[in-house]
């Protein structure tokens, strides 16, 4: 089970599909040991852009 940043349903679905978890303000992917800090002050669009860049890495 993965926990996802609450932004929009589409983003949650995409994050869940690549098993990326958002933990304590960080986006973490256990499959690649990728750990990226995400500032909660970022607006939702910026967080979504970061997440989509991460998703691109898994393609």
PDB file of N, CA and C in Angstrom:
ATOM      1  N   UNK A   1       0.845  -1.180   0.000  1.00  0.00           N
ATOM      2  CA  UNK A   1       0.000   0.000   0.000  1.00  0.00           C
ATOM      3  C   UNK A   1       0.887   1.239   0.000  1.00  0.00           C
ATOM      4  N   UNK A   2       0.527   2.204  -0.824  1.00  0.00           N
ATOM      5  CA  UNK A   2       1.331   3.404  -0.919  1.00  0.00           C
ATOM      6  C   UNK A   2       0.552   4.613  -0.435  1.00  0.00           C
ATOM      7  N   UNK A   3       1.281   5.542   0.157  1.00  0.00           N
ATOM      8  CA  UNK A   3       0.682   6.797   0.589  1.00  0.00           C
ATOM      9  C   UNK A   3       1.120   7.864  -0.399  1.00  0.00           C
ATOM     10  N   UNK A   4       0.191   8.695  -0.796  1.00  0.00           N
ATOM     11  CA  UNK A   4       0.469   9.640  -1.858  1.00  0.00           C
ATOM     12  C   UNK A   4       0.118  11.050  -1.409  1.00  0.00           C
ATOM     13  N   UNK A   5       0.890  12.022  -1.881  1.00  0.00           N
ATOM     14  CA  UNK A   5       0.592  13.413  -1.584  1.00  0.00           C
ATOM     15  C   UNK A   5      -0.812  13.735  -2.078  1.00  0.00           C
ATOM     16  N   UNK A   6      -1.577  14.411  -1.263  1.00  0.00           N
ATOM     17  CA  UNK A   6      -2.944  14.759  -1.650  1.00  0.00           C
ATOM     18  C   UNK A   6      -2.915  15.985  -2.555  1.00  0.00           C
ATOM     19  N   UNK A   7      -2.982  15.748  -3.837  1.00  0.00           N
ATOM     20  CA  UNK A   7      -3.012  16.858  -4.785  1.00  0.00           C
ATOM     21  C   UNK A   7      -4.232  16.720  -5.683  1.00  0.00           C
ATOM     22  N   UNK A   8      -4.200  15.778  -6.582  1.00  0.00           N
ATOM     23  CA  UNK A   8      -5.347  15.533  -7.441  1.00  0.00           C
ATOM     24  C   UNK A   8      -5.441  14.040  -7.706  1.00  0.00           C
ATOM     25  N   UNK A   9      -6.649  13.535  -7.977  1.00  0.00           N
ATOM     26  CA  UNK A   9      -6.820  12.084  -8.182  1.00  0.00           C
ATOM     27  C   UNK A   9      -5.937  11.525  -9.292  1.00  0.00           C
ATOM     28  N   UNK A  10      -5.765  12.282 -10.379  1.00  0.00           N
ATOM     29  CA  UNK A  10      -4.955  11.782 -11.485  1.00  0.00           C
ATOM     30  C   UNK A  10      -3.507  11.597 -11.048  1.00  0.00           C
ATOM     31  N   UNK A  11      -2.985  12.556 -10.292  1.00  0.00           N
ATOM     32  CA  UNK A  11      -1.608  12.459  -9.815  1.00  0.00           C
ATOM     33  C   UNK A  11      -1.468  11.287  -8.855  1.00  0.00           C
ATOM     34  N   UNK A  12      -2.421  11.131  -7.963  1.00  0.00           N
ATOM     35  CA  UNK A  12      -2.372  10.006  -7.024  1.00  0.00           C
ATOM     36  C   UNK A  12      -2.334   8.682  -7.776  1.00  0.00           C
ATOM     37  N   UNK A  13      -3.156   8.576  -8.816  1.00  0.00           N
ATOM     38  CA  UNK A  13      -3.212   7.335  -9.579  1.00  0.00           C
ATOM     39  C   UNK A  13      -1.876   7.065 -10.258  1.00  0.00           C
ATOM     40  N   UNK A  14      -1.274   8.087 -10.851  1.00  0.00           N
ATOM     41  CA  UNK A  14       0.008   7.904 -11.525  1.00  0.00           C
ATOM     42  C   UNK A  14       1.103   7.548 -10.523  1.00  0.00           C
ATOM     43  N   UNK A  15       1.127   8.243  -9.394  1.00  0.00           N
ATOM     44  CA  UNK A  15       2.134   7.940  -8.377  1.00  0.00           C
ATOM     45  C   UNK A  15       1.987   6.502  -7.907  1.00  0.00           C
ATOM     46  N   UNK A  16       0.750   6.095  -7.657  1.00  0.00           N
ATOM     47  CA  UNK A  16       0.512   4.741  -7.175  1.00  0.00           C
ATOM     48  C   UNK A  16       0.946   3.711  -8.213  1.00  0.00           C
ATOM     49  N   UNK A  17       0.781   4.049  -9.488  1.00  0.00           N
ATOM     50  CA  UNK A  17       1.090   3.087 -10.542  1.00  0.00           C
ATOM     51  C   UNK A  17       2.587   2.796 -10.647  1.00  0.00           C
ATOM     52  N   UNK A  18       3.432   3.723 -10.191  1.00  0.00           N
ATOM     53  CA  UNK A  18       4.874   3.474 -10.226  1.00  0.00           C
ATOM     54  C   UNK A  18       5.439   3.277  -8.823  1.00  0.00           C
ATOM     55  N   UNK A  19       4.506   3.091  -7.854  1.00  0.00           N
ATOM     56  CA  UNK A  19       4.907   2.770  -6.483  1.00  0.00           C
ATOM     57  C   UNK A  19       5.797   3.852  -5.860  1.00  0.00           C
ATOM     58  N   UNK A  20       5.458   5.097  -6.129  1.00  0.00           N
ATOM     59  CA  UNK A  20       6.176   6.193  -5.476  1.00  0.00           C
ATOM     60  C   UNK A  20       5.377   6.597  -4.246  1.00  0.00           C
ATOM     61  N   UNK A  21       6.055   6.733  -3.138  1.00  0.00           N
ATOM     62  CA  UNK A  21       5.383   7.109  -1.903  1.00  0.00           C
ATOM     63  C   UNK A  21       5.821   8.510  -1.493  1.00  0.00           C
ATOM     64  N   UNK A  22       4.911   9.249  -0.945  1.00  0.00           N
ATOM     65  CA  UNK A  22       5.241  10.550  -0.386  1.00  0.00           C
ATOM     66  C   UNK A  22       5.272  10.393   1.132  1.00  0.00           C
ATOM     67  N   UNK A  23       6.451  10.605   1.689  1.00  0.00           N
ATOM     68  CA  UNK A  23       6.625  10.370   3.119  1.00  0.00           C
ATOM     69  C   UNK A  23       7.225  11.617   3.762  1.00  0.00           C
ATOM     70  N   UNK A  24       6.481  12.214   4.690  1.00  0.00           N
ATOM     71  CA  UNK A  24       6.990  13.357   5.437  1.00  0.00           C
ATOM     72  C   UNK A  24       7.579  14.438   4.534  1.00  0.00           C
ATOM     73  N   UNK A  25       6.872  14.775   3.464  1.00  0.00           N
ATOM     74  CA  UNK A  25       7.317  15.856   2.596  1.00  0.00           C
ATOM     75  C   UNK A  25       8.362  15.445   1.581  1.00  0.00           C
ATOM     76  N   UNK A  26       8.601  14.158   1.452  1.00  0.00           N
ATOM     77  CA  UNK A  26       9.564  13.681   0.471  1.00  0.00           C
ATOM     78  C   UNK A  26       8.873  12.696  -0.463  1.00  0.00           C
ATOM     79  N   UNK A  27       9.323  12.656  -1.695  1.00  0.00           N
ATOM     80  CA  UNK A  27       8.821  11.633  -2.610  1.00  0.00           C
ATOM     81  C   UNK A  27       9.883  10.541  -2.653  1.00  0.00           C
ATOM     82  N   UNK A  28       9.465   9.339  -2.360  1.00  0.00           N
ATOM     83  CA  UNK A  28      10.400   8.230  -2.212  1.00  0.00           C
ATOM     84  C   UNK A  28       9.940   7.040  -3.040  1.00  0.00           C
ATOM     85  N   UNK A  29      10.838   6.478  -3.806  1.00  0.00           N
ATOM     86  CA  UNK A  29      10.519   5.275  -4.562  1.00  0.00           C
ATOM     87  C   UNK A  29      11.370   4.120  -4.038  1.00  0.00           C
ATOM     88  N   UNK A  30      10.752   3.160  -3.359  1.00  0.00           N
ATOM     89  CA  UNK A  30      11.520   2.039  -2.808  1.00  0.00           C
ATOM     90  C   UNK A  30      12.152   1.160  -3.877  1.00  0.00           C
ATOM     91  N   UNK A  31      11.596   1.179  -5.090  1.00  0.00           N
ATOM     92  CA  UNK A  31      12.111   0.289  -6.121  1.00  0.00           C
ATOM     93  C   UNK A  31      13.476   0.732  -6.633  1.00  0.00           C
ATOM     94  N   UNK A  32      13.719   2.043  -6.644  1.00  0.00           N
ATOM     95  CA  UNK A  32      14.994   2.528  -7.177  1.00  0.00           C
ATOM     96  C   UNK A  32      15.848   3.198  -6.101  1.00  0.00           C
ATOM     97  N   UNK A  33      15.348   3.177  -4.851  1.00  0.00           N
ATOM     98  CA  UNK A  33      16.035   3.856  -3.756  1.00  0.00           C
ATOM     99  C   UNK A  33      16.199   5.338  -4.056  1.00  0.00           C
ATOM    100  N   UNK A  34      15.250   5.875  -4.819  1.00  0.00           N
ATOM    101  CA  UNK A  34      15.278   7.292  -5.159  1.00  0.00           C
ATOM    102  C   UNK A  34      14.583   8.069  -4.049  1.00  0.00           C
ATOM    103  N   UNK A  35      15.227   9.110  -3.586  1.00  0.00           N
ATOM    104  CA  UNK A  35      14.674   9.881  -2.469  1.00  0.00           C
ATOM    105  C   UNK A  35      14.823  11.356  -2.796  1.00  0.00           C
ATOM    106  N   UNK A  36      13.704  12.043  -2.957  1.00  0.00           N
ATOM    107  CA  UNK A  36      13.745  13.450  -3.341  1.00  0.00           C
ATOM    108  C   UNK A  36      12.923  14.269  -2.358  1.00  0.00           C
ATOM    109  N   UNK A  37      13.536  15.315  -1.843  1.00  0.00           N
ATOM    110  CA  UNK A  37      12.850  16.181  -0.904  1.00  0.00           C
ATOM    111  C   UNK A  37      11.824  17.048  -1.631  1.00  0.00           C
ATOM    112  N   UNK A  38      10.658  17.197  -1.051  1.00  0.00           N
ATOM    113  CA  UNK A  38       9.635  18.058  -1.614  1.00  0.00           C
ATOM    114  C   UNK A  38       9.187  19.031  -0.532  1.00  0.00           C
ATOM    115  N   UNK A  39       9.344  20.298  -0.829  1.00  0.00           N
ATOM    116  CA  UNK A  39       8.958  21.335   0.128  1.00  0.00           C
ATOM    117  C   UNK A  39       7.441  21.503   0.097  1.00  0.00           C
ATOM    118  N   UNK A  40       6.809  21.411   1.271  1.00  0.00           N
ATOM    119  CA  UNK A  40       5.366  21.567   1.326  1.00  0.00           C
ATOM    120  C   UNK A  40       4.915  22.965   0.913  1.00  0.00           C
ATOM    121  N   UNK A  41       5.847  23.915   0.869  1.00  0.00           N
ATOM    122  CA  UNK A  41       5.503  25.272   0.450  1.00  0.00           C
ATOM    123  C   UNK A  41       5.287  25.357  -1.055  1.00  0.00           C
ATOM    124  N   UNK A  42       5.753  24.353  -1.785  1.00  0.00           N
ATOM    125  CA  UNK A  42       5.541  24.335  -3.226  1.00  0.00           C
ATOM    126  C   UNK A  42       4.048  24.251  -3.526  1.00  0.00           C
ATOM    127  N   UNK A  43       3.640  24.923  -4.580  1.00  0.00           N
ATOM    128  CA  UNK A  43       2.235  24.815  -4.943  1.00  0.00           C
ATOM    129  C   UNK A  43       1.968  23.451  -5.579  1.00  0.00           C
ATOM    130  N   UNK A  44       0.701  23.116  -5.739  1.00  0.00           N
ATOM    131  CA  UNK A  44       0.336  21.784  -6.228  1.00  0.00           C
ATOM    132  C   UNK A  44       0.860  21.539  -7.635  1.00  0.00           C
ATOM    133  N   UNK A  45       0.874  22.573  -8.466  1.00  0.00           N
ATOM    134  CA  UNK A  45       1.357  22.406  -9.840  1.00  0.00           C
ATOM    135  C   UNK A  45       2.830  21.999  -9.831  1.00  0.00           C
ATOM    136  N   UNK A  46       3.632  22.646  -8.986  1.00  0.00           N
ATOM    137  CA  UNK A  46       5.061  22.333  -8.911  1.00  0.00           C
ATOM    138  C   UNK A  46       5.269  20.902  -8.411  1.00  0.00           C
ATOM    139  N   UNK A  47       4.517  20.511  -7.400  1.00  0.00           N
ATOM    140  CA  UNK A  47       4.630  19.147  -6.885  1.00  0.00           C
ATOM    141  C   UNK A  47       4.262  18.146  -7.977  1.00  0.00           C
ATOM    142  N   UNK A  48       3.211  18.463  -8.751  1.00  0.00           N
ATOM    143  CA  UNK A  48       2.798  17.585  -9.838  1.00  0.00           C
ATOM    144  C   UNK A  48       3.895  17.472 -10.889  1.00  0.00           C
ATOM    145  N   UNK A  49       4.551  18.583 -11.207  1.00  0.00           N
ATOM    146  CA  UNK A  49       5.632  18.560 -12.197  1.00  0.00           C
ATOM    147  C   UNK A  49       6.789  17.686 -11.717  1.00  0.00           C
ATOM    148  N   UNK A  50       7.145  17.812 -10.447  1.00  0.00           N
ATOM    149  CA  UNK A  50       8.209  16.975  -9.882  1.00  0.00           C
ATOM    150  C   UNK A  50       7.823  15.503  -9.991  1.00  0.00           C
ATOM    151  N   UNK A  51       6.589  15.201  -9.640  1.00  0.00           N
ATOM    152  CA  UNK A  51       6.128  13.813  -9.686  1.00  0.00           C
ATOM    153  C   UNK A  51       6.151  13.257 -11.108  1.00  0.00           C
ATOM    154  N   UNK A  52       5.729  14.076 -12.064  1.00  0.00           N
ATOM    155  CA  UNK A  52       5.720  13.596 -13.448  1.00  0.00           C
ATOM    156  C   UNK A  52       7.141  13.377 -13.968  1.00  0.00           C
ATOM    157  N   UNK A  53       8.090  14.195 -13.533  1.00  0.00           N
ATOM    158  CA  UNK A  53       9.491  13.964 -13.921  1.00  0.00           C
ATOM    159  C   UNK A  53       9.984  12.640 -13.348  1.00  0.00           C
ATOM    160  N   UNK A  54       9.582  12.342 -12.105  1.00  0.00           N
ATOM    161  CA  UNK A  54       9.955  11.060 -11.506  1.00  0.00           C
ATOM    162  C   UNK A  54       9.349   9.907 -12.295  1.00  0.00           C
ATOM    163  N   UNK A  55       8.074  10.062 -12.668  1.00  0.00           N
ATOM    164  CA  UNK A  55       7.399   9.017 -13.431  1.00  0.00           C
ATOM    165  C   UNK A  55       8.135   8.758 -14.740  1.00  0.00           C
ATOM    166  N   UNK A  56       8.610   9.838 -15.375  1.00  0.00           N
ATOM    167  CA  UNK A  56       9.345   9.686 -16.633  1.00  0.00           C
ATOM    168  C   UNK A  56      10.597   8.826 -16.449  1.00  0.00           C
ATOM    169  N   UNK A  57      11.216   8.895 -15.288  1.00  0.00           N
ATOM    170  CA  UNK A  57      12.424   8.108 -15.027  1.00  0.00           C
ATOM    171  C   UNK A  57      12.137   6.609 -15.006  1.00  0.00           C
ATOM    172  N   UNK A  58      10.897   6.247 -14.732  1.00  0.00           N
ATOM    173  CA  UNK A  58      10.543   4.835 -14.609  1.00  0.00           C
ATOM    174  C   UNK A  58      10.047   4.238 -15.916  1.00  0.00           C
ATOM    175  N   UNK A  59       9.926   5.065 -16.958  1.00  0.00           N
ATOM    176  CA  UNK A  59       9.408   4.553 -18.239  1.00  0.00           C
ATOM    177  C   UNK A  59      10.451   3.709 -18.939  1.00  0.00           C
TER     178      UNK A  59
END
